[in-house]
Amino acid sequence: MTYEWIVSIFLLVGGSLILIGSVGLVKMPDFFMRLHGPTKATTLGMACLLIAAMVYFSATETGYSLKEILITIFLLITAPISGYILIKSAIHHKLKAVDKTQGLDNIEKDTK
């Protein structure tokens, strides 16, 4: 019965983080700010959901759930890399940002 509470907490935290990331994706004013929602909060939310699945299937079945572990590792590796590639592409194409976007002065100038 204890595992049900743990699974419930991870599901609630994960769902909340995914909701926050999705709202951030819609409400932020430019591409650079919008990218933080899916790469930060939504990735952590999906990790919480997968941890809840690992705990549930480990408690109800024999052995560990290797599928969820592999999915979590793949998600935590690929989400930041895809966010980085999207940002580099936006910088290369000189996508405009709003004045409130911080860190634009740290971007290296494209010499091509």
N, C-alpha and C. Protein backbone atom coordinates (compact mmCIF):
# COMPACT_ATOMS: atom_id res chain seq x y z
N MET A 1 0.80 -1.21 0.00
CA MET A 1 0.00 0.00 0.00
C MET A 1 0.85 1.27 0.00
N THR A 2 2.04 1.19 0.52
CA THR A 2 2.90 2.37 0.54
C THR A 2 3.29 2.77 -0.87
N TYR A 3 3.49 1.79 -1.74
CA TYR A 3 3.89 2.11 -3.11
C TYR A 3 2.80 2.90 -3.83
N GLU A 4 1.54 2.70 -3.47
CA GLU A 4 0.46 3.45 -4.10
C GLU A 4 0.56 4.94 -3.79
N TRP A 5 0.96 5.27 -2.57
CA TRP A 5 1.16 6.68 -2.21
C TRP A 5 2.34 7.27 -2.97
N ILE A 6 3.40 6.52 -3.08
CA ILE A 6 4.58 7.00 -3.81
C ILE A 6 4.23 7.22 -5.28
N VAL A 7 3.53 6.28 -5.88
CA VAL A 7 3.12 6.41 -7.27
C VAL A 7 2.20 7.62 -7.44
N SER A 8 1.27 7.79 -6.52
CA SER A 8 0.35 8.93 -6.60
C SER A 8 1.07 10.27 -6.53
N ILE A 9 2.04 10.36 -5.62
CA ILE A 9 2.79 11.62 -5.48
C ILE A 9 3.58 11.90 -6.75
N PHE A 10 4.27 10.89 -7.29
CA PHE A 10 5.03 11.09 -8.52
C PHE A 10 4.12 11.46 -9.69
N LEU A 11 2.93 10.86 -9.76
CA LEU A 11 2.00 11.20 -10.83
C LEU A 11 1.50 12.64 -10.71
N LEU A 12 1.20 13.07 -9.49
CA LEU A 12 0.74 14.45 -9.30
C LEU A 12 1.84 15.46 -9.60
N VAL A 13 3.04 15.20 -9.12
CA VAL A 13 4.16 16.11 -9.38
C VAL A 13 4.48 16.14 -10.88
N GLY A 14 4.50 14.98 -11.50
CA GLY A 14 4.80 14.91 -12.93
C GLY A 14 3.74 15.61 -13.77
N GLY A 15 2.48 15.38 -13.46
CA GLY A 15 1.41 16.06 -14.18
C GLY A 15 1.44 17.56 -14.01
N SER A 16 1.76 18.01 -12.80
CA SER A 16 1.86 19.45 -12.54
C SER A 16 3.01 20.08 -13.32
N LEU A 17 4.15 19.41 -13.35
CA LEU A 17 5.29 19.94 -14.09
C LEU A 17 5.02 19.98 -15.59
N ILE A 18 4.35 18.97 -16.12
CA ILE A 18 4.00 18.97 -17.54
C ILE A 18 3.03 20.11 -17.85
N LEU A 19 2.07 20.33 -16.96
CA LEU A 19 1.13 21.44 -17.15
C LEU A 19 1.85 22.78 -17.12
N ILE A 20 2.75 22.97 -16.17
CA ILE A 20 3.51 24.23 -16.08
C ILE A 20 4.36 24.44 -17.33
N GLY A 21 5.02 23.38 -17.80
CA GLY A 21 5.82 23.49 -19.01
C GLY A 21 4.99 23.81 -20.24
N SER A 22 3.80 23.23 -20.32
CA SER A 22 2.93 23.49 -21.47
C SER A 22 2.38 24.91 -21.45
N VAL A 23 2.02 25.39 -20.28
CA VAL A 23 1.55 26.77 -20.17
C VAL A 23 2.69 27.74 -20.51
N GLY A 24 3.90 27.43 -20.06
CA GLY A 24 5.05 28.27 -20.40
C GLY A 24 5.32 28.29 -21.89
N LEU A 25 5.09 27.18 -22.56
CA LEU A 25 5.28 27.11 -24.00
C LEU A 25 4.31 28.03 -24.73
N VAL A 26 3.10 28.15 -24.22
CA VAL A 26 2.09 28.97 -24.88
C VAL A 26 2.23 30.45 -24.50
N LYS A 27 2.58 30.74 -23.25
CA LYS A 27 2.53 32.12 -22.76
C LYS A 27 3.80 32.94 -22.96
N MET A 28 4.93 32.32 -23.16
CA MET A 28 6.17 33.10 -23.29
C MET A 28 6.18 33.89 -24.59
N PRO A 29 6.84 35.07 -24.60
CA PRO A 29 6.72 35.97 -25.75
C PRO A 29 7.57 35.63 -26.97
N ASP A 30 8.71 34.98 -26.82
CA ASP A 30 9.53 34.69 -28.00
C ASP A 30 10.07 33.26 -27.95
N PHE A 31 10.70 32.85 -29.04
CA PHE A 31 11.16 31.48 -29.18
C PHE A 31 12.15 31.07 -28.11
N PHE A 32 13.06 31.96 -27.78
CA PHE A 32 14.11 31.63 -26.81
C PHE A 32 13.52 31.36 -25.42
N MET A 33 12.52 32.13 -25.03
CA MET A 33 11.87 31.90 -23.74
C MET A 33 10.93 30.70 -23.80
N ARG A 34 10.28 30.50 -24.95
CA ARG A 34 9.34 29.38 -25.09
C ARG A 34 10.02 28.03 -24.98
N LEU A 35 11.26 27.97 -25.31
CA LEU A 35 11.96 26.69 -25.31
C LEU A 35 12.22 26.16 -23.90
N HIS A 36 12.17 27.04 -22.90
CA HIS A 36 12.43 26.58 -21.53
C HIS A 36 11.32 25.67 -21.01
N GLY A 37 10.08 25.88 -21.43
CA GLY A 37 8.98 25.03 -20.97
C GLY A 37 9.17 23.56 -21.30
N PRO A 38 9.33 23.24 -22.57
CA PRO A 38 9.48 21.82 -22.92
C PRO A 38 10.80 21.21 -22.47
N THR A 39 11.88 22.00 -22.47
CA THR A 39 13.17 21.38 -22.14
C THR A 39 13.41 21.25 -20.65
N LYS A 40 12.77 22.03 -19.85
CA LYS A 40 13.02 21.96 -18.40
C LYS A 40 11.88 21.26 -17.67
N ALA A 41 10.75 21.94 -17.56
CA ALA A 41 9.66 21.43 -16.72
C ALA A 41 9.02 20.18 -17.30
N THR A 42 8.80 20.15 -18.60
CA THR A 42 8.14 18.99 -19.18
C THR A 42 9.03 17.75 -19.12
N THR A 43 10.34 17.93 -19.28
CA THR A 43 11.26 16.80 -19.17
C THR A 43 11.24 16.23 -17.75
N LEU A 44 11.27 17.10 -16.76
CA LEU A 44 11.20 16.61 -15.38
C LEU A 44 9.84 15.97 -15.08
N GLY A 45 8.77 16.52 -15.65
CA GLY A 45 7.45 15.93 -15.47
C GLY A 45 7.36 14.54 -16.05
N MET A 46 7.90 14.36 -17.25
CA MET A 46 7.90 13.02 -17.85
C MET A 46 8.78 12.06 -17.05
N ALA A 47 9.89 12.56 -16.51
CA ALA A 47 10.73 11.70 -15.67
C ALA A 47 9.97 11.25 -14.43
N CYS A 48 9.18 12.15 -13.83
CA CYS A 48 8.38 11.77 -12.66
C CYS A 48 7.32 10.72 -13.02
N LEU A 49 6.69 10.88 -14.18
CA LEU A 49 5.70 9.90 -14.61
C LEU A 49 6.35 8.54 -14.85
N LEU A 50 7.52 8.53 -15.43
CA LEU A 50 8.21 7.27 -15.68
C LEU A 50 8.71 6.63 -14.39
N ILE A 51 9.11 7.44 -13.42
CA ILE A 51 9.50 6.90 -12.11
C ILE A 51 8.29 6.28 -11.43
N ALA A 52 7.13 6.93 -11.56
CA ALA A 52 5.90 6.36 -11.00
C ALA A 52 5.59 5.02 -11.65
N ALA A 53 5.78 4.92 -12.96
CA ALA A 53 5.55 3.65 -13.65
C ALA A 53 6.55 2.59 -13.18
N MET A 54 7.81 3.00 -12.97
CA MET A 54 8.81 2.04 -12.49
C MET A 54 8.45 1.51 -11.11
N VAL A 55 8.05 2.40 -10.22
CA VAL A 55 7.68 1.98 -8.86
C VAL A 55 6.46 1.05 -8.91
N TYR A 56 5.46 1.41 -9.71
CA TYR A 56 4.24 0.60 -9.79
C TYR A 56 4.53 -0.80 -10.33
N PHE A 57 5.24 -0.87 -11.47
CA PHE A 57 5.48 -2.18 -12.07
C PHE A 57 6.49 -3.00 -11.27
N SER A 58 7.38 -2.35 -10.55
CA SER A 58 8.30 -3.10 -9.69
C SER A 58 7.57 -3.69 -8.48
N ALA A 59 6.55 -2.98 -8.01
CA ALA A 59 5.81 -3.47 -6.85
C ALA A 59 4.78 -4.53 -7.21
N THR A 60 4.20 -4.44 -8.41
CA THR A 60 3.13 -5.37 -8.77
C THR A 60 3.63 -6.59 -9.55
N GLU A 61 4.79 -6.49 -10.17
CA GLU A 61 5.32 -7.61 -10.93
C GLU A 61 6.68 -8.00 -10.35
N THR A 62 7.18 -9.13 -10.78
CA THR A 62 8.49 -9.57 -10.29
C THR A 62 9.58 -8.90 -11.11
N GLY A 63 10.61 -8.43 -10.44
CA GLY A 63 11.75 -7.82 -11.11
C GLY A 63 11.56 -6.33 -11.36
N TYR A 64 12.61 -5.77 -11.93
CA TYR A 64 12.59 -4.34 -12.23
C TYR A 64 12.06 -4.11 -13.64
N SER A 65 11.58 -2.92 -13.89
CA SER A 65 11.04 -2.59 -15.20
C SER A 65 12.13 -1.90 -16.02
N LEU A 66 12.77 -2.66 -16.86
CA LEU A 66 13.88 -2.15 -17.66
C LEU A 66 13.40 -1.18 -18.73
N LYS A 67 12.20 -1.37 -19.25
CA LYS A 67 11.69 -0.49 -20.31
C LYS A 67 11.59 0.95 -19.83
N GLU A 68 11.05 1.16 -18.66
CA GLU A 68 10.90 2.53 -18.15
C GLU A 68 12.24 3.16 -17.84
N ILE A 69 13.20 2.37 -17.38
CA ILE A 69 14.53 2.90 -17.12
C ILE A 69 15.18 3.37 -18.41
N LEU A 70 15.06 2.58 -19.47
CA LEU A 70 15.63 2.96 -20.76
C LEU A 70 14.94 4.19 -21.35
N ILE A 71 13.62 4.26 -21.23
CA ILE A 71 12.89 5.42 -21.72
C ILE A 71 13.31 6.67 -20.95
N THR A 72 13.47 6.58 -19.63
CA THR A 72 13.89 7.73 -18.83
C THR A 72 15.28 8.20 -19.22
N ILE A 73 16.21 7.28 -19.38
CA ILE A 73 17.57 7.65 -19.77
C ILE A 73 17.55 8.32 -21.14
N PHE A 74 16.82 7.74 -22.09
CA PHE A 74 16.73 8.32 -23.43
C PHE A 74 16.13 9.72 -23.38
N LEU A 75 15.07 9.91 -22.60
CA LEU A 75 14.42 11.21 -22.49
C LEU A 75 15.34 12.25 -21.87
N LEU A 76 16.01 11.88 -20.79
CA LEU A 76 16.87 12.84 -20.10
C LEU A 76 18.12 13.19 -20.90
N ILE A 77 18.51 12.34 -21.85
CA ILE A 77 19.65 12.65 -22.70
C ILE A 77 19.23 13.46 -23.91
N THR A 78 18.13 13.09 -24.55
CA THR A 78 17.77 13.72 -25.82
C THR A 78 17.07 15.07 -25.69
N ALA A 79 16.31 15.30 -24.65
CA ALA A 79 15.58 16.57 -24.53
C ALA A 79 16.51 17.78 -24.43
N PRO A 80 17.54 17.78 -23.60
CA PRO A 80 18.44 18.95 -23.57
C PRO A 80 19.23 19.12 -24.87
N ILE A 81 19.58 18.01 -25.52
CA ILE A 81 20.33 18.11 -26.77
C ILE A 81 19.46 18.70 -27.87
N SER A 82 18.21 18.28 -27.95
CA SER A 82 17.32 18.84 -28.97
C SER A 82 17.04 20.32 -28.70
N GLY A 83 16.91 20.70 -27.44
CA GLY A 83 16.75 22.12 -27.11
C GLY A 83 17.96 22.94 -27.51
N TYR A 84 19.14 22.40 -27.28
CA TYR A 84 20.37 23.09 -27.67
C TYR A 84 20.44 23.25 -29.18
N ILE A 85 20.08 22.22 -29.92
CA ILE A 85 20.12 22.30 -31.38
C ILE A 85 19.11 23.32 -31.90
N LEU A 86 17.93 23.37 -31.29
CA LEU A 86 16.93 24.36 -31.69
C LEU A 86 17.41 25.79 -31.43
N ILE A 87 18.05 26.01 -30.29
CA ILE A 87 18.58 27.35 -29.98
C ILE A 87 19.68 27.73 -30.96
N LYS A 88 20.60 26.80 -31.26
CA LYS A 88 21.67 27.09 -32.22
C LYS A 88 21.10 27.41 -33.60
N SER A 89 20.06 26.71 -33.99
CA SER A 89 19.42 26.98 -35.27
C SER A 89 18.77 28.36 -35.28
N ALA A 90 18.11 28.73 -34.19
CA ALA A 90 17.49 30.05 -34.10
C ALA A 90 18.54 31.15 -34.14
N ILE A 91 19.67 30.94 -33.50
CA ILE A 91 20.74 31.93 -33.52
C ILE A 91 21.32 32.04 -34.93
N HIS A 92 21.51 30.91 -35.58
CA HIS A 92 22.07 30.90 -36.94
C HIS A 92 21.16 31.63 -37.93
N HIS A 93 19.84 31.47 -37.76
CA HIS A 93 18.88 32.12 -38.64
C HIS A 93 18.52 33.53 -38.18
N LYS A 94 19.22 34.01 -37.15
CA LYS A 94 19.05 35.36 -36.61
C LYS A 94 17.59 35.67 -36.26
N LEU A 95 17.00 34.76 -35.52
CA LEU A 95 15.63 34.93 -35.06
C LEU A 95 15.58 36.07 -34.05
N LYS A 96 14.63 36.94 -34.20
CA LYS A 96 14.51 38.10 -33.33
C LYS A 96 13.98 37.70 -31.95
N ALA A 97 14.45 38.41 -30.94
CA ALA A 97 14.00 38.18 -29.57
C ALA A 97 13.44 39.48 -29.02
N VAL A 98 12.58 39.36 -28.01
CA VAL A 98 12.06 40.57 -27.36
C VAL A 98 13.15 41.15 -26.46
N ASP A 99 12.94 42.37 -26.03
CA ASP A 99 13.94 43.06 -25.22
C ASP A 99 14.15 42.41 -23.85
N LYS A 100 13.12 41.72 -23.33
CA LYS A 100 13.22 41.11 -22.00
C LYS A 100 14.07 39.84 -21.99
N THR A 101 14.41 39.30 -23.16
CA THR A 101 15.20 38.08 -23.23
C THR A 101 16.62 38.37 -22.74
N GLN A 102 17.06 37.61 -21.75
CA GLN A 102 18.39 37.84 -21.17
C GLN A 102 19.41 36.92 -21.82
N GLY A 103 20.66 37.35 -21.84
CA GLY A 103 21.74 36.52 -22.33
C GLY A 103 22.04 36.68 -23.81
N LEU A 104 21.36 37.61 -24.48
CA LEU A 104 21.62 37.79 -25.90
C LEU A 104 23.01 38.36 -26.16
N ASP A 105 23.56 39.09 -25.19
CA ASP A 105 24.90 39.65 -25.37
C ASP A 105 25.98 38.57 -25.26
N ASN A 106 25.65 37.39 -24.75
CA ASN A 106 26.61 36.29 -24.64
C ASN A 106 26.69 35.44 -25.90
N ILE A 107 25.84 35.71 -26.87
CA ILE A 107 25.82 34.91 -28.09
C ILE A 107 27.00 35.33 -28.97
N GLU A 108 27.73 34.32 -29.44
CA GLU A 108 28.84 34.59 -30.33
C GLU A 108 28.31 35.02 -31.69
N LYS A 109 29.01 35.96 -32.31
CA LYS A 109 28.60 36.43 -33.62
C LYS A 109 28.93 35.37 -34.67
N ASP A 110 28.00 35.20 -35.60
CA ASP A 110 28.21 34.24 -36.68
C ASP A 110 29.10 34.90 -37.73
N THR A 111 30.24 34.32 -38.03
CA THR A 111 31.21 34.95 -38.93
C THR A 111 30.99 34.55 -40.39
N LYS A 112 30.02 33.74 -40.69
CA LYS A 112 29.79 33.30 -42.07
C LYS A 112 28.98 34.29 -42.83
